[in-house]
Amino acid sequence: MSADDQRPANLAIDWTRCDGHGLCAALLPGSIRLDDWGYPVLDQARIAAAEPSDVKRAVSVCPALALRLTRGQ
């Protein structure tokens, strides 16, 4: 396993794709909240502590394909 594989993944939003459906916040309620306009606000510390399968599920079911996992810095 490389050093890159050991770093936690971060959740990123492609703002050009996000339509504010809010499904990600419903799937990760402790890690993502919605702003006043219905767009996600990420808490990276809580996302890193969340169950990885839950985070991957949120990425895979995003209707706008706006979520992606990136390796931590």
C-alpha atoms as a PDB file:
ATOM      1  CA  MET A   1       0.000   0.000   0.000  1.00  0.00           C
ATOM      2  CA  SER A   2       1.447   3.377  -0.994  1.00  0.00           C
ATOM      3  CA  ALA A   3       1.475   6.480   1.203  1.00  0.00           C
ATOM      4  CA  ASP A   4      -1.221   7.979  -1.048  1.00  0.00           C
ATOM      5  CA  ASP A   5      -3.543   5.059  -0.300  1.00  0.00           C
ATOM      6  CA  GLN A   6      -3.165   5.608   3.445  1.00  0.00           C
ATOM      7  CA  ARG A   7      -4.274   9.238   3.355  1.00  0.00           C
ATOM      8  CA  PRO A   8      -7.990   9.803   3.953  1.00  0.00           C
ATOM      9  CA  ALA A   9     -10.106  10.753   0.985  1.00  0.00           C
ATOM     10  CA  ASN A  10     -11.784  14.149   0.843  1.00  0.00           C
ATOM     11  CA  LEU A  11     -15.183  14.732  -0.642  1.00  0.00           C
ATOM     12  CA  ALA A  12     -15.229  17.444  -3.303  1.00  0.00           C
ATOM     13  CA  ILE A  13     -18.091  19.123  -5.118  1.00  0.00           C
ATOM     14  CA  ASP A  14     -18.012  20.084  -8.774  1.00  0.00           C
ATOM     15  CA  TRP A  15     -19.998  23.307  -8.475  1.00  0.00           C
ATOM     16  CA  THR A  16     -20.605  23.457 -12.224  1.00  0.00           C
ATOM     17  CA  ARG A  17     -22.646  20.242 -11.883  1.00  0.00           C
ATOM     18  CA  CYS A  18     -24.322  20.598  -8.477  1.00  0.00           C
ATOM     19  CA  ASP A  19     -28.049  21.360  -8.742  1.00  0.00           C
ATOM     20  CA  GLY A  20     -28.751  21.342  -4.997  1.00  0.00           C
ATOM     21  CA  HIS A  21     -30.842  18.157  -4.923  1.00  0.00           C
ATOM     22  CA  GLY A  22     -29.751  17.561  -1.303  1.00  0.00           C
ATOM     23  CA  LEU A  23     -29.456  13.785  -1.552  1.00  0.00           C
ATOM     24  CA  CYS A  24     -25.872  13.905  -0.255  1.00  0.00           C
ATOM     25  CA  ALA A  25     -27.033  15.655   2.929  1.00  0.00           C
ATOM     26  CA  ALA A  26     -29.758  13.062   3.395  1.00  0.00           C
ATOM     27  CA  LEU A  27     -27.216  10.241   3.089  1.00  0.00           C
ATOM     28  CA  LEU A  28     -24.515  11.894   5.243  1.00  0.00           C
ATOM     29  CA  PRO A  29     -26.502  14.067   7.666  1.00  0.00           C
ATOM     30  CA  GLY A  30     -23.701  14.389  10.212  1.00  0.00           C
ATOM     31  CA  SER A  31     -21.156  15.411   7.581  1.00  0.00           C
ATOM     32  CA  ILE A  32     -23.064  17.519   5.068  1.00  0.00           C
ATOM     33  CA  ARG A  33     -25.629  20.222   5.745  1.00  0.00           C
ATOM     34  CA  LEU A  34     -27.538  22.331   3.254  1.00  0.00           C
ATOM     35  CA  ASP A  35     -27.183  26.091   3.034  1.00  0.00           C
ATOM     36  CA  ASP A  36     -30.138  28.484   2.720  1.00  0.00           C
ATOM     37  CA  TRP A  37     -30.387  27.755  -1.028  1.00  0.00           C
ATOM     38  CA  GLY A  38     -30.228  23.957  -0.677  1.00  0.00           C
ATOM     39  CA  TYR A  39     -26.586  23.510  -1.664  1.00  0.00           C
ATOM     40  CA  PRO A  40     -24.260  21.259   0.332  1.00  0.00           C
ATOM     41  CA  VAL A  41     -21.789  22.532   2.910  1.00  0.00           C
ATOM     42  CA  LEU A  42     -19.135  19.927   3.694  1.00  0.00           C
ATOM     43  CA  ASP A  43     -17.539  19.234   7.056  1.00  0.00           C
ATOM     44  CA  GLN A  44     -14.340  17.476   5.915  1.00  0.00           C
ATOM     45  CA  ALA A  45     -13.404  16.359   9.432  1.00  0.00           C
ATOM     46  CA  ARG A  46     -16.712  14.548   9.853  1.00  0.00           C
ATOM     47  CA  ILE A  47     -16.565  13.172   6.315  1.00  0.00           C
ATOM     48  CA  ALA A  48     -13.123  11.707   7.075  1.00  0.00           C
ATOM     49  CA  ALA A  49     -14.571  10.060  10.187  1.00  0.00           C
ATOM     50  CA  ALA A  50     -17.678   8.766   8.385  1.00  0.00           C
ATOM     51  CA  GLU A  51     -18.020   5.198   7.205  1.00  0.00           C
ATOM     52  CA  PRO A  52     -16.180   5.051   3.834  1.00  0.00           C
ATOM     53  CA  SER A  53     -18.942   2.972   2.257  1.00  0.00           C
ATOM     54  CA  ASP A  54     -21.493   5.680   3.148  1.00  0.00           C
ATOM     55  CA  VAL A  55     -19.343   8.367   1.545  1.00  0.00           C
ATOM     56  CA  LYS A  56     -18.850   6.260  -1.594  1.00  0.00           C
ATOM     57  CA  ARG A  57     -22.586   5.647  -1.762  1.00  0.00           C
ATOM     58  CA  ALA A  58     -23.297   9.389  -1.626  1.00  0.00           C
ATOM     59  CA  VAL A  59     -20.841   9.921  -4.491  1.00  0.00           C
ATOM     60  CA  SER A  60     -22.356   7.122  -6.564  1.00  0.00           C
ATOM     61  CA  VAL A  61     -25.995   8.216  -6.188  1.00  0.00           C
ATOM     62  CA  CYS A  62     -25.549  11.960  -6.777  1.00  0.00           C
ATOM     63  CA  PRO A  63     -28.055  12.666  -9.578  1.00  0.00           C
ATOM     64  CA  ALA A  64     -25.893  15.448 -11.025  1.00  0.00           C
ATOM     65  CA  LEU A  65     -22.579  13.509 -10.702  1.00  0.00           C
ATOM     66  CA  ALA A  66     -21.264  16.492  -8.775  1.00  0.00           C
ATOM     67  CA  LEU A  67     -19.464  14.628  -5.989  1.00  0.00           C
ATOM     68  CA  ARG A  68     -16.039  13.001  -6.189  1.00  0.00           C
ATOM     69  CA  LEU A  69     -13.453  11.613  -3.821  1.00  0.00           C
ATOM     70  CA  THR A  70      -9.971  13.115  -3.837  1.00  0.00           C
ATOM     71  CA  ARG A  71      -6.929  12.073  -1.847  1.00  0.00           C
ATOM     72  CA  GLY A  72      -6.155  14.265   1.189  1.00  0.00           C
ATOM     73  CA  GLN A  73      -3.378  16.810   1.020  1.00  0.00           C
END
